[in-house]
Amino acid sequence: MFLKTKIFDAVDKIPQTYWDSLDCCINIYYSPEFLKAFEKANKDISFNYVFVTRNGEAIAFANTQLVTIGLETITKNIKMNGWLKRNINRLFCNNYIRILFCGNIFLSGEYGTFLKQDEDKIEAFVSLVEGIKHLSKSLKKLSGLFVKDFKNESLYITKHLDNYGYTPMLVEPNMIISLKEEWRSFEDYKSALKSKYRVKVNKADSKSAVLAAKELNVEAIETYKSQLQSLYQNTIENADFNAQVLNLNTYTFLKESFEDEFTVIGYFLNETLVGFLSAMKNGENLDAHFIGIDYSKNKEFAIYPRILNDYVRLGLKAKSKQINLGRTASEIKSTLGAEPETLTCYFKHKKALPNRMIRPFVKNVSIKTFKQHKPFK
């Protein structure tokens, strides 16, 4: 029973039987509706979908995006000497590189590949890698490939990427809050905190009390879309790394498709939008998506701490088991009880010689350390 790979350049071209065979759509992030929202809104990205089939039935899936990014986006927050930085720049001409990402570049977590249950996971994954290799050969001016965000329990499968010249690298962890069943309300959650952390939570709510928090429906997202985009790009400019800027038309499509599962809350100061959060309820978990902040108002009105508090509120309201607060700002997230979930990515230069030269650098990339708080009694 030979395995075959098939590649599609649009969600609408994928046969429904493939989704039915994989039985993956219970996870929203693998559903065609979710993938199509990103495809429709982000026209400057080339999306491709790689499937592995056996006797015409899909047994594995990978989601890819081809993006062009500035090299400084990658190197600006990585410590290296001047000589090494110059040589890295020389490897990637003109300071712009085209990267094929396997994994959703707009999500933090293991949402790029899906392997059908009861299949030989290694065989299916290796076939996916072959499909990605075939796709990469058809792309012009491609600099490298990046396979993203695998949890530790998946590394026995993904280690086979080494046979294809990929180098593993640690990235910033997801910060996960595990919610206890006895926490029925935000007050229950706060009661479980040590005093100094409870004071922090209350202070954030007090300073932000003047803000009006409003849940945005499709029409409101459309009305405030330019302001949402501007606030979101404020946070992108403050981020250590971001491969691509999301077109927030995506939010309109997500809200239309997922309604109550997808939440956007705007924070208004005297009728002016000064911040927002977005979140997706995915099964038993709540995932923080992008946020936006007017940083000139952030300190005075504690916009970001209030957003974090509200993620906890949303998780409790949804009766979620976990809240994934995503990457970045790990220390402040840990003050709310979030614990790090280690993630590993893999990178390779498309050409063999530059790949050999860059491997030691990739292996030695180190992530920022942070103080892990233990806020619960």
Protein backbone atom coordinates (compact mmCIF):
# COMPACT_ATOMS: atom_id res chain seq x y z
CA MET A 1 0.00 0.00 0.00
CA PHE A 2 2.04 2.91 -1.34
CA LEU A 3 1.72 6.36 0.14
CA LYS A 4 1.22 9.31 -2.20
CA THR A 5 1.37 13.05 -1.62
CA LYS A 6 -1.00 15.61 -3.09
CA ILE A 7 -0.59 19.37 -2.89
CA PHE A 8 -3.40 21.92 -3.16
CA ASP A 9 -3.00 25.69 -3.44
CA ALA A 10 -6.48 26.54 -2.15
CA VAL A 11 -8.75 25.14 0.54
CA ASP A 12 -11.68 24.96 -1.87
CA LYS A 13 -9.75 22.51 -4.08
CA ILE A 14 -9.37 19.95 -1.27
CA PRO A 15 -11.92 17.11 -1.54
CA GLN A 16 -14.33 16.87 1.40
CA THR A 17 -13.50 13.15 1.60
CA TYR A 18 -9.97 14.08 2.71
CA TRP A 19 -11.29 15.96 5.74
CA ASP A 20 -13.74 13.14 6.48
CA SER A 21 -10.96 10.54 6.31
CA LEU A 22 -8.59 12.48 8.57
CA ASP A 23 -11.32 13.25 11.13
CA CYS A 24 -9.30 16.29 12.16
CA CYS A 25 -11.92 19.03 12.13
CA ILE A 26 -12.88 18.54 15.78
CA ASN A 27 -9.81 20.76 16.21
CA ILE A 28 -10.88 24.13 14.81
CA TYR A 29 -7.36 24.92 13.61
CA TYR A 30 -7.45 22.05 11.11
CA SER A 31 -10.91 22.86 9.79
CA PRO A 32 -11.27 24.17 6.22
CA GLU A 33 -13.35 27.10 7.50
CA PHE A 34 -10.51 28.26 9.76
CA LEU A 35 -7.83 27.82 7.11
CA LYS A 36 -9.93 29.55 4.47
CA ALA A 37 -10.37 32.66 6.64
CA PHE A 38 -6.60 33.22 6.60
CA GLU A 39 -6.30 32.38 2.92
CA LYS A 40 -9.07 34.81 1.88
CA ALA A 41 -7.77 37.73 3.93
CA ASN A 42 -4.00 37.48 3.42
CA LYS A 43 -3.51 37.69 -0.35
CA ASP A 44 0.22 38.44 -0.12
CA ILE A 45 0.90 34.96 1.26
CA SER A 46 1.00 31.80 -0.85
CA PHE A 47 -0.86 29.03 0.96
CA ASN A 48 -0.40 25.35 0.16
CA TYR A 49 -1.84 22.22 1.76
CA VAL A 50 0.06 18.94 1.62
CA PHE A 51 -1.79 15.63 2.04
CA VAL A 52 -0.52 12.09 2.32
CA THR A 53 -2.91 9.44 1.01
CA ARG A 54 -3.11 5.67 1.11
CA ASN A 55 -5.44 4.08 -1.45
CA GLY A 56 -7.00 7.48 -2.01
CA GLU A 57 -7.73 8.12 1.68
CA ALA A 58 -5.97 10.98 3.46
CA ILE A 59 -3.83 9.93 6.43
CA ALA A 60 -1.76 13.10 7.07
CA PHE A 61 -1.92 16.83 6.44
CA ALA A 62 0.45 19.82 6.53
CA ASN A 63 -0.40 23.50 6.26
CA THR A 64 2.23 25.73 4.61
CA GLN A 65 2.71 29.41 3.84
CA LEU A 66 5.34 31.06 1.66
CA VAL A 67 6.33 34.49 3.00
CA THR A 68 8.98 37.11 2.35
CA ILE A 69 10.53 38.56 5.50
CA GLY A 70 13.35 40.93 6.35
CA LEU A 71 16.44 39.31 7.78
CA GLU A 72 16.56 41.92 10.57
CA THR A 73 13.25 40.49 11.80
CA ILE A 74 15.13 37.30 12.61
CA THR A 75 18.44 38.67 13.85
CA LYS A 76 17.48 41.87 15.67
CA ASN A 77 16.92 40.19 19.04
CA ILE A 78 19.53 37.43 18.76
CA LYS A 79 22.90 38.07 20.37
CA MET A 80 25.78 37.51 17.95
CA ASN A 81 29.05 39.21 17.11
CA GLY A 82 29.37 41.55 14.16
CA TRP A 83 31.38 39.11 12.04
CA LEU A 84 28.76 36.41 12.39
CA LYS A 85 25.91 38.81 11.64
CA ARG A 86 27.68 40.02 8.47
CA ASN A 87 28.16 36.46 7.27
CA ILE A 88 24.56 35.53 8.02
CA ASN A 89 23.50 38.56 5.97
CA ARG A 90 25.79 37.44 3.14
CA LEU A 91 24.17 34.00 3.08
CA PHE A 92 20.77 35.60 2.57
CA CYS A 93 21.20 38.14 -0.19
CA ASN A 94 19.59 41.60 -0.04
CA ASN A 95 18.47 41.12 3.59
CA TYR A 96 15.15 39.66 2.40
CA ILE A 97 14.45 35.97 2.42
CA ARG A 98 11.62 33.81 1.18
CA ILE A 99 10.74 31.14 3.72
CA LEU A 100 8.34 28.24 3.37
CA PHE A 101 6.70 27.77 6.76
CA CYS A 102 5.11 24.46 7.66
CA GLY A 103 2.73 25.31 10.48
CA ASN A 104 0.37 28.25 10.83
CA ILE A 105 2.55 31.36 11.15
CA PHE A 106 -0.32 33.15 12.89
CA LEU A 107 -0.70 30.56 15.66
CA SER A 108 1.62 29.57 18.47
CA GLY A 109 1.51 25.81 18.90
CA GLU A 110 1.47 22.45 17.19
CA TYR A 111 -1.12 23.20 14.52
CA GLY A 112 0.83 22.71 11.30
CA THR A 113 0.72 18.97 10.79
CA PHE A 114 -1.93 16.37 11.52
CA LEU A 115 -1.36 12.62 11.55
CA LYS A 116 -4.39 10.35 11.50
CA GLN A 117 -4.95 8.23 14.58
CA ASP A 118 -3.78 4.60 14.44
CA GLU A 119 -1.45 5.30 11.51
CA ASP A 120 2.30 4.73 11.65
CA LYS A 121 3.17 8.24 12.79
CA ILE A 122 6.79 8.19 11.62
CA GLU A 123 5.94 6.80 8.18
CA ALA A 124 3.16 9.36 7.70
CA PHE A 125 5.33 12.26 8.91
CA VAL A 126 8.26 11.33 6.68
CA SER A 127 5.87 11.21 3.72
CA LEU A 128 4.68 14.71 4.63
CA VAL A 129 8.30 15.90 4.72
CA GLU A 130 8.80 14.41 1.25
CA GLY A 131 5.74 16.32 0.08
CA ILE A 132 7.08 19.57 1.55
CA LYS A 133 10.41 18.89 -0.16
CA HIS A 134 8.61 18.41 -3.47
CA LEU A 135 6.69 21.66 -2.94
CA SER A 136 9.88 23.58 -2.09
CA LYS A 137 11.51 22.51 -5.38
CA SER A 138 8.69 24.20 -7.29
CA LEU A 139 9.14 27.57 -5.54
CA LYS A 140 11.44 30.18 -7.06
CA LYS A 141 14.00 32.16 -5.03
CA LEU A 142 13.27 30.14 -1.90
CA SER A 143 15.87 30.70 0.83
CA GLY A 144 14.83 28.21 3.48
CA LEU A 145 12.22 26.06 5.16
CA PHE A 146 10.88 26.36 8.70
CA VAL A 147 8.82 23.62 10.35
CA LYS A 148 7.30 25.00 13.50
CA ASP A 149 6.13 24.40 17.02
CA PHE A 150 6.36 20.81 18.21
CA LYS A 151 5.76 19.75 21.78
CA ASN A 152 8.29 17.50 23.52
CA GLU A 153 6.07 14.43 23.13
CA SER A 154 6.26 14.79 19.33
CA LEU A 155 10.05 14.94 19.08
CA TYR A 156 10.45 11.19 18.59
CA ILE A 157 8.63 11.74 15.28
CA THR A 158 10.08 15.08 14.23
CA LYS A 159 13.69 14.05 14.91
CA HIS A 160 13.53 12.39 11.49
CA LEU A 161 13.76 15.88 9.99
CA ASP A 162 17.48 15.62 10.74
CA ASN A 163 17.76 13.17 7.84
CA TYR A 164 16.60 15.98 5.54
CA GLY A 165 19.12 18.54 6.76
CA TYR A 166 16.88 20.38 9.23
CA THR A 167 18.34 21.73 12.46
CA PRO A 168 16.23 21.88 15.64
CA MET A 169 15.95 25.10 17.62
CA LEU A 170 14.05 26.03 20.75
CA VAL A 171 11.65 28.96 20.53
CA GLU A 172 9.85 30.91 23.22
CA PRO A 173 7.40 28.64 25.03
CA ASN A 174 3.65 28.87 25.08
CA MET A 175 2.44 30.02 28.49
CA ILE A 176 -0.40 27.80 29.72
CA ILE A 177 -2.77 28.34 32.66
CA SER A 178 -4.39 25.13 33.91
CA LEU A 179 -7.79 25.90 35.40
CA LYS A 180 -9.09 23.91 38.36
CA GLU A 181 -12.65 22.59 38.36
CA GLU A 182 -13.45 24.29 41.68
CA TRP A 183 -12.80 27.71 40.13
CA ARG A 184 -16.34 28.62 39.10
CA SER A 185 -15.72 32.36 38.96
CA PHE A 186 -12.94 34.94 38.74
CA GLU A 187 -13.31 35.46 42.50
CA ASP A 188 -12.61 31.73 43.04
CA TYR A 189 -9.50 32.05 40.88
CA LYS A 190 -8.31 35.13 42.77
CA SER A 191 -8.86 33.38 46.10
CA ALA A 192 -6.34 30.74 45.01
CA LEU A 193 -3.65 33.38 44.47
CA LYS A 194 -1.08 34.40 47.04
CA SER A 195 -1.72 37.85 48.43
CA LYS A 196 0.83 39.85 46.41
CA TYR A 197 -0.37 38.32 43.12
CA ARG A 198 -4.00 38.94 44.02
CA VAL A 199 -3.06 42.59 44.65
CA LYS A 200 -1.56 42.77 41.13
CA VAL A 201 -4.73 41.37 39.57
CA ASN A 202 -6.94 43.78 41.52
CA LYS A 203 -4.70 46.73 40.69
CA ALA A 204 -4.98 45.98 36.96
CA ASP A 205 -8.78 45.86 37.19
CA SER A 206 -8.87 49.06 39.26
CA LYS A 207 -6.61 51.08 36.95
CA SER A 208 -8.53 49.89 33.88
CA ALA A 209 -12.00 50.37 35.39
CA VAL A 210 -12.54 53.52 33.32
CA LEU A 211 -12.26 51.46 30.12
CA ALA A 212 -15.46 50.17 28.55
CA ALA A 213 -14.98 46.57 27.38
CA LYS A 214 -17.28 45.65 24.50
CA GLU A 215 -17.54 42.34 22.65
CA LEU A 216 -17.37 43.05 18.92
CA ASN A 217 -19.68 41.31 16.44
CA VAL A 218 -19.04 41.11 12.69
CA GLU A 219 -20.43 44.58 12.05
CA ALA A 220 -18.38 46.14 14.86
CA ILE A 221 -15.19 44.43 13.64
CA GLU A 222 -15.83 45.95 10.21
CA THR A 223 -16.54 49.37 11.74
CA TYR A 224 -13.34 49.45 13.81
CA LYS A 225 -11.15 47.44 11.45
CA SER A 226 -8.65 50.20 10.66
CA GLN A 227 -8.22 51.01 14.36
CA LEU A 228 -7.88 47.32 15.21
CA GLN A 229 -5.21 46.94 12.52
CA SER A 230 -3.29 49.95 13.82
CA LEU A 231 -3.39 48.75 17.45
CA TYR A 232 -2.33 45.25 16.39
CA GLN A 233 0.62 46.63 14.44
CA ASN A 234 1.69 48.52 17.58
CA THR A 235 2.14 45.17 19.32
CA ILE A 236 3.93 43.68 16.30
CA GLU A 237 6.50 46.48 16.40
CA ASN A 238 7.15 45.64 20.06
CA ALA A 239 7.49 41.89 19.42
CA ASP A 240 10.84 40.13 19.26
CA PHE A 241 9.88 38.19 16.17
CA ASN A 242 6.94 38.17 13.81
CA ALA A 243 7.11 36.52 10.43
CA GLN A 244 4.12 38.26 8.90
CA VAL A 245 1.50 40.92 9.66
CA LEU A 246 -2.02 39.54 9.81
CA ASN A 247 -4.67 41.28 7.74
CA LEU A 248 -7.51 41.73 10.21
CA ASN A 249 -10.10 41.02 7.53
CA THR A 250 -9.28 37.54 8.85
CA TYR A 251 -11.25 38.40 12.00
CA THR A 252 -14.38 39.20 10.02
CA PHE A 253 -14.23 35.80 8.32
CA LEU A 254 -13.47 33.98 11.59
CA LYS A 255 -16.36 35.67 13.37
CA GLU A 256 -18.72 34.81 10.52
CA SER A 257 -17.65 31.15 10.58
CA PHE A 258 -17.25 30.50 14.30
CA GLU A 259 -19.54 33.04 15.98
CA ASP A 260 -19.36 32.45 19.76
CA GLU A 261 -16.21 30.30 19.53
CA PHE A 262 -14.25 33.33 18.35
CA THR A 263 -14.22 36.39 20.61
CA VAL A 264 -12.97 39.92 19.98
CA ILE A 265 -13.24 42.42 22.84
CA GLY A 266 -12.51 46.10 22.31
CA TYR A 267 -11.42 48.43 25.13
CA PHE A 268 -12.71 51.99 24.79
CA LEU A 269 -11.59 55.15 26.56
CA ASN A 270 -14.14 57.93 26.05
CA GLU A 271 -15.45 56.15 22.92
CA THR A 272 -11.92 55.77 21.51
CA LEU A 273 -10.62 52.25 20.92
CA VAL A 274 -7.35 51.88 22.88
CA GLY A 275 -6.94 48.10 22.94
CA PHE A 276 -8.41 44.76 21.98
CA LEU A 277 -8.03 41.06 22.59
CA SER A 278 -9.01 38.07 20.47
CA ALA A 279 -9.48 34.46 21.56
CA MET A 280 -10.63 31.14 20.13
CA LYS A 281 -12.39 28.42 22.10
CA ASN A 282 -10.99 25.19 20.70
CA GLY A 283 -12.52 22.12 22.33
CA GLU A 284 -11.69 22.19 26.04
CA ASN A 285 -9.10 24.94 25.67
CA LEU A 286 -9.17 28.70 25.21
CA ASP A 287 -6.38 30.18 23.10
CA ALA A 288 -5.29 33.79 23.18
CA HIS A 289 -4.82 35.13 19.68
CA PHE A 290 -3.57 38.58 18.74
CA ILE A 291 -3.99 41.69 20.85
CA GLY A 292 -3.62 45.39 20.15
CA ILE A 293 -2.66 48.21 22.51
CA ASP A 294 -2.29 51.98 22.45
CA TYR A 295 0.99 52.03 24.36
CA SER A 296 0.68 55.73 25.16
CA LYS A 297 -2.30 54.80 27.36
CA ASN A 298 -1.08 51.41 28.54
CA LYS A 299 0.74 52.42 31.72
CA GLU A 300 -1.93 54.79 33.00
CA PHE A 301 -4.86 52.49 32.32
CA ALA A 302 -3.18 49.04 32.63
CA ILE A 303 -4.55 47.89 29.28
CA TYR A 304 -2.28 44.86 28.90
CA PRO A 305 -2.70 43.56 32.47
CA ARG A 306 -6.47 44.00 32.07
CA ILE A 307 -6.36 41.98 28.83
CA LEU A 308 -4.57 39.14 30.66
CA ASN A 309 -7.16 39.24 33.47
CA ASP A 310 -9.93 39.06 30.89
CA TYR A 311 -8.37 36.03 29.21
CA VAL A 312 -8.71 34.26 32.57
CA ARG A 313 -12.31 35.44 32.83
CA LEU A 314 -13.06 34.14 29.32
CA GLY A 315 -11.47 30.78 30.10
CA LEU A 316 -13.50 30.40 33.27
CA LYS A 317 -16.72 31.46 31.51
CA ALA A 318 -16.10 28.88 28.77
CA LYS A 319 -15.34 26.19 31.41
CA SER A 320 -12.02 25.57 29.69
CA LYS A 321 -9.40 23.23 31.13
CA GLN A 322 -6.50 25.33 29.86
CA ILE A 323 -5.82 28.85 28.68
CA ASN A 324 -2.99 29.21 26.19
CA LEU A 325 -1.70 32.77 26.56
CA GLY A 326 0.80 32.25 23.74
CA ARG A 327 4.39 33.40 23.52
CA THR A 328 6.15 36.59 24.65
CA ALA A 329 5.88 38.47 27.97
CA SER A 330 6.40 35.13 29.70
CA GLU A 331 7.19 36.54 33.14
CA ILE A 332 4.06 38.66 33.53
CA LYS A 333 1.97 35.74 32.27
CA SER A 334 3.54 33.51 34.91
CA THR A 335 2.28 35.92 37.61
CA LEU A 336 -1.21 34.78 36.61
CA GLY A 337 -0.26 31.12 36.99
CA ALA A 338 0.88 30.31 33.45
CA GLU A 339 3.52 27.61 33.07
CA PRO A 340 5.85 27.26 30.05
CA GLU A 341 5.22 24.60 27.40
CA THR A 342 8.44 23.92 25.50
CA LEU A 343 8.27 24.17 21.71
CA THR A 344 10.84 23.08 19.12
CA CYS A 345 11.11 24.29 15.53
CA TYR A 346 13.29 23.13 12.65
CA PHE A 347 15.08 25.17 10.01
CA LYS A 348 17.10 24.46 6.89
CA HIS A 349 18.58 26.54 4.10
CA LYS A 350 17.43 25.27 0.73
CA LYS A 351 21.00 24.94 -0.57
CA ALA A 352 23.31 22.33 0.93
CA LEU A 353 26.49 24.39 1.46
CA PRO A 354 24.83 27.38 3.15
CA ASN A 355 22.81 24.91 5.22
CA ARG A 356 25.99 23.30 6.56
CA MET A 357 27.41 26.73 7.36
CA ILE A 358 24.31 27.94 9.16
CA ARG A 359 23.59 24.81 11.22
CA PRO A 360 25.96 25.69 14.09
CA PHE A 361 24.33 29.11 14.35
CA VAL A 362 20.80 27.65 14.42
CA LYS A 363 21.81 25.08 17.04
CA ASN A 364 23.17 27.82 19.28
CA VAL A 365 20.20 30.18 19.11
CA SER A 366 19.11 30.74 22.69
CA ILE A 367 15.74 31.96 23.90
CA LYS A 368 15.25 34.66 26.49
CA THR A 369 15.21 33.52 30.08
CA PHE A 370 12.60 34.81 32.49
CA LYS A 371 11.63 34.52 36.12
CA GLN A 372 8.92 31.90 36.59
CA HIS A 373 6.54 33.06 39.31
CA LYS A 374 4.54 30.65 41.47
CA PRO A 375 1.44 32.70 42.30
CA PHE A 376 -0.86 30.06 43.73
CA LYS A 377 -1.09 29.25 47.43
